[in-house]
Amino acid sequence: FTTMALAFAGLLSHFVPLLSEAGMPLERAGAFAGMIGLSVIVTRVVVGWLADQIEPAWLGAASCVACAAGCLALAFGGPALAPVAAVALGAAMGAEADLLGILTARNFPIAAYSRAYALQYAAFGVAGGLSPVWIGYLADQTGGYNAALIATAVGLLVPIALFCTLPGMIRRNRQA
């Protein structure tokens, strides 16, 4: 979750400037930013329901894949694909917040839940606070947001890999 937050949380604060620098009027960019919020809300409900139906780690991997695809769509397709990127980013943000609690509850003993959740959430918060800084820095250094969008997509490979290995690790630990 820390790597997820570091990779994409900063895109929230940079979404409107990113679209604006690409030539989109501020009002329209703001409307697309509002789509992020709507996507977060819908995703939280959907992920909460789906986590009882399928392995939550797969939901985490899927949300990272969707966010990476949204970032690449925006980087290579430009502002015309802003709706795709907004929905993908919002979905990842909504899934991340739900899955942090769900996966902690399912994979740590109840006696350790508070500590485990608090440490993960603290790391998530720090990474989420640093994310806008590195995205802004990279945008300033490269003269635009494409490098940051691509770096975000590449950075999401780490949590995708971790989510994909989690179910197998849990099964092995429970059998031991």
Protein backbone atom coordinates (compact mmCIF):
# COMPACT_ATOMS: atom_id res chain seq x y z
CA PHE A 1 0.00 0.00 0.00
CA THR A 2 2.93 2.29 0.62
CA THR A 3 4.22 1.76 -2.90
CA MET A 4 0.73 2.35 -4.29
CA ALA A 5 0.38 5.64 -2.43
CA LEU A 6 3.86 6.77 -3.44
CA ALA A 7 3.18 5.90 -7.06
CA PHE A 8 -0.18 7.57 -7.63
CA ALA A 9 -1.58 9.57 -4.71
CA GLY A 10 0.20 12.68 -5.94
CA LEU A 11 -1.68 12.56 -9.21
CA LEU A 12 -4.76 13.75 -7.35
CA SER A 13 -3.27 17.16 -6.62
CA HIS A 14 -1.64 17.36 -10.05
CA PHE A 15 -4.59 16.19 -12.15
CA VAL A 16 -6.04 19.61 -12.97
CA PRO A 17 -2.63 21.24 -13.63
CA LEU A 18 -1.69 18.25 -15.79
CA LEU A 19 -4.79 18.65 -17.94
CA SER A 20 -4.49 22.43 -17.96
CA GLU A 21 -0.89 22.27 -19.18
CA ALA A 22 -2.07 19.93 -21.92
CA GLY A 23 -4.40 22.69 -23.14
CA MET A 24 -7.67 21.76 -21.46
CA PRO A 25 -9.75 24.64 -20.03
CA LEU A 26 -9.72 24.74 -16.22
CA GLU A 27 -13.48 24.23 -15.92
CA ARG A 28 -13.34 21.05 -17.96
CA ALA A 29 -10.24 19.80 -16.12
CA GLY A 30 -12.03 20.43 -12.83
CA ALA A 31 -15.02 18.41 -14.02
CA PHE A 32 -12.74 15.48 -14.81
CA ALA A 33 -11.17 15.81 -11.39
CA GLY A 34 -14.69 15.49 -9.97
CA MET A 35 -14.95 12.18 -11.81
CA ILE A 36 -12.08 10.95 -9.65
CA GLY A 37 -14.15 11.56 -6.51
CA LEU A 38 -17.18 9.80 -7.94
CA SER A 39 -15.02 6.86 -8.96
CA VAL A 40 -13.56 6.63 -5.43
CA ILE A 41 -17.05 6.42 -3.92
CA VAL A 42 -18.35 3.82 -6.37
CA THR A 43 -15.19 1.73 -6.10
CA ARG A 44 -15.32 1.62 -2.31
CA VAL A 45 -18.77 0.08 -2.43
CA VAL A 46 -17.89 -2.32 -5.24
CA VAL A 47 -14.57 -3.41 -3.70
CA GLY A 48 -16.20 -3.91 -0.31
CA TRP A 49 -18.73 -6.24 -1.91
CA LEU A 50 -16.24 -7.98 -4.22
CA ALA A 51 -13.77 -8.62 -1.39
CA ASP A 52 -16.31 -11.06 0.04
CA GLN A 53 -16.64 -12.80 -3.33
CA ILE A 54 -13.04 -13.11 -4.57
CA GLU A 55 -9.50 -12.87 -3.24
CA PRO A 56 -8.95 -9.24 -2.14
CA ALA A 57 -5.31 -9.31 -3.26
CA TRP A 58 -6.51 -9.82 -6.85
CA LEU A 59 -8.63 -6.69 -6.46
CA GLY A 60 -5.54 -4.79 -5.36
CA ALA A 61 -3.58 -6.02 -8.37
CA ALA A 62 -6.47 -5.18 -10.71
CA SER A 63 -6.79 -1.66 -9.30
CA CYS A 64 -3.07 -1.08 -9.85
CA VAL A 65 -3.27 -2.41 -13.40
CA ALA A 66 -6.24 -0.13 -14.10
CA CYS A 67 -4.43 2.89 -12.66
CA ALA A 68 -1.26 2.12 -14.64
CA ALA A 69 -3.34 1.77 -17.80
CA GLY A 70 -5.06 5.09 -17.07
CA CYS A 71 -1.71 6.81 -16.59
CA LEU A 72 -0.34 5.38 -19.83
CA ALA A 73 -3.53 6.33 -21.66
CA LEU A 74 -3.16 9.91 -20.48
CA ALA A 75 0.57 10.01 -21.23
CA PHE A 76 0.22 8.67 -24.77
CA GLY A 77 -3.36 9.64 -25.64
CA GLY A 78 -3.41 13.10 -24.10
CA PRO A 79 -6.33 14.92 -22.53
CA ALA A 80 -8.85 13.18 -24.78
CA LEU A 81 -8.40 10.17 -22.48
CA ALA A 82 -8.80 12.19 -19.28
CA PRO A 83 -12.11 10.45 -18.41
CA VAL A 84 -10.41 7.05 -18.57
CA ALA A 85 -7.53 8.26 -16.42
CA ALA A 86 -9.88 9.93 -13.91
CA VAL A 87 -11.98 6.80 -13.44
CA ALA A 88 -8.88 4.58 -13.21
CA LEU A 89 -7.18 6.84 -10.66
CA GLY A 90 -10.33 7.14 -8.57
CA ALA A 91 -10.84 3.38 -8.69
CA ALA A 92 -7.31 2.77 -7.46
CA MET A 93 -7.71 5.30 -4.65
CA GLY A 94 -11.03 3.81 -3.57
CA ALA A 95 -9.75 0.25 -3.70
CA GLU A 96 -6.57 1.10 -1.81
CA ALA A 97 -8.36 2.54 1.20
CA ASP A 98 -10.75 -0.43 1.47
CA LEU A 99 -8.18 -3.13 0.83
CA LEU A 100 -5.77 -1.81 3.44
CA GLY A 101 -8.26 -2.60 6.20
CA ILE A 102 -9.62 -5.78 4.59
CA LEU A 103 -6.25 -7.40 3.95
CA THR A 104 -4.94 -6.40 7.36
CA ALA A 105 -7.96 -7.92 9.07
CA ARG A 106 -7.72 -11.14 7.08
CA ASN A 107 -3.98 -11.66 7.37
CA PHE A 108 -3.03 -10.55 10.87
CA PRO A 109 -4.25 -11.97 14.16
CA ILE A 110 -6.90 -9.80 15.81
CA ALA A 111 -4.52 -9.11 18.71
CA ALA A 112 -2.07 -7.50 16.26
CA TYR A 113 -4.64 -5.81 14.01
CA SER A 114 -4.41 -2.33 15.55
CA ARG A 115 -0.62 -2.18 15.35
CA ALA A 116 -0.47 -3.73 11.89
CA TYR A 117 -3.13 -1.41 10.50
CA ALA A 118 -1.64 1.67 12.17
CA LEU A 119 1.85 1.01 10.84
CA GLN A 120 0.59 0.35 7.34
CA TYR A 121 -1.68 3.37 7.39
CA ALA A 122 1.12 5.59 8.70
CA ALA A 123 3.44 4.43 5.91
CA PHE A 124 0.59 4.93 3.43
CA GLY A 125 0.08 8.48 4.76
CA VAL A 126 3.76 9.39 4.53
CA ALA A 127 4.03 7.98 1.02
CA GLY A 128 0.83 9.76 0.02
CA GLY A 129 2.34 13.01 1.30
CA LEU A 130 5.59 12.50 -0.60
CA SER A 131 3.91 11.49 -3.85
CA PRO A 132 2.85 15.01 -4.95
CA VAL A 133 6.40 16.20 -4.29
CA TRP A 134 8.10 13.64 -6.52
CA ILE A 135 5.48 14.00 -9.24
CA GLY A 136 5.84 17.79 -9.20
CA TYR A 137 9.62 17.55 -9.15
CA LEU A 138 9.68 15.15 -12.09
CA ALA A 139 7.22 17.33 -14.02
CA ASP A 140 9.38 20.40 -13.36
CA GLN A 141 12.57 18.61 -14.38
CA THR A 142 11.14 17.17 -17.59
CA GLY A 143 8.91 20.07 -18.63
CA GLY A 144 5.66 18.15 -18.41
CA TYR A 145 3.78 15.33 -16.76
CA ASN A 146 4.38 12.50 -19.23
CA ALA A 147 7.49 11.24 -17.43
CA ALA A 148 5.60 11.26 -14.11
CA LEU A 149 2.68 9.35 -15.65
CA ILE A 150 5.03 6.74 -17.10
CA ALA A 151 7.00 6.53 -13.85
CA THR A 152 3.73 6.02 -11.96
CA ALA A 153 2.74 3.18 -14.28
CA VAL A 154 6.16 1.56 -13.87
CA GLY A 155 6.09 2.13 -10.10
CA LEU A 156 2.77 0.29 -9.90
CA LEU A 157 4.51 -2.88 -11.07
CA VAL A 158 5.82 -3.31 -7.51
CA PRO A 159 2.43 -3.49 -5.76
CA ILE A 160 1.02 -5.54 -8.66
CA ALA A 161 3.75 -8.14 -8.11
CA LEU A 162 3.27 -8.05 -4.33
CA PHE A 163 -0.50 -8.45 -4.59
CA CYS A 164 -0.07 -11.36 -7.00
CA THR A 165 2.26 -13.21 -4.62
CA LEU A 166 0.22 -12.53 -1.48
CA PRO A 167 -2.42 -15.30 -1.80
CA GLY A 168 0.25 -18.00 -2.25
CA MET A 169 2.31 -16.71 0.66
CA ILE A 170 -0.74 -16.69 2.91
CA ARG A 171 -1.67 -20.27 1.97
CA ARG A 172 1.89 -21.47 2.67
CA ASN A 173 1.99 -19.68 6.03
CA ARG A 174 -1.37 -21.13 7.09
CA GLN A 175 -0.27 -24.65 6.17
CA ALA A 176 2.97 -24.36 8.15
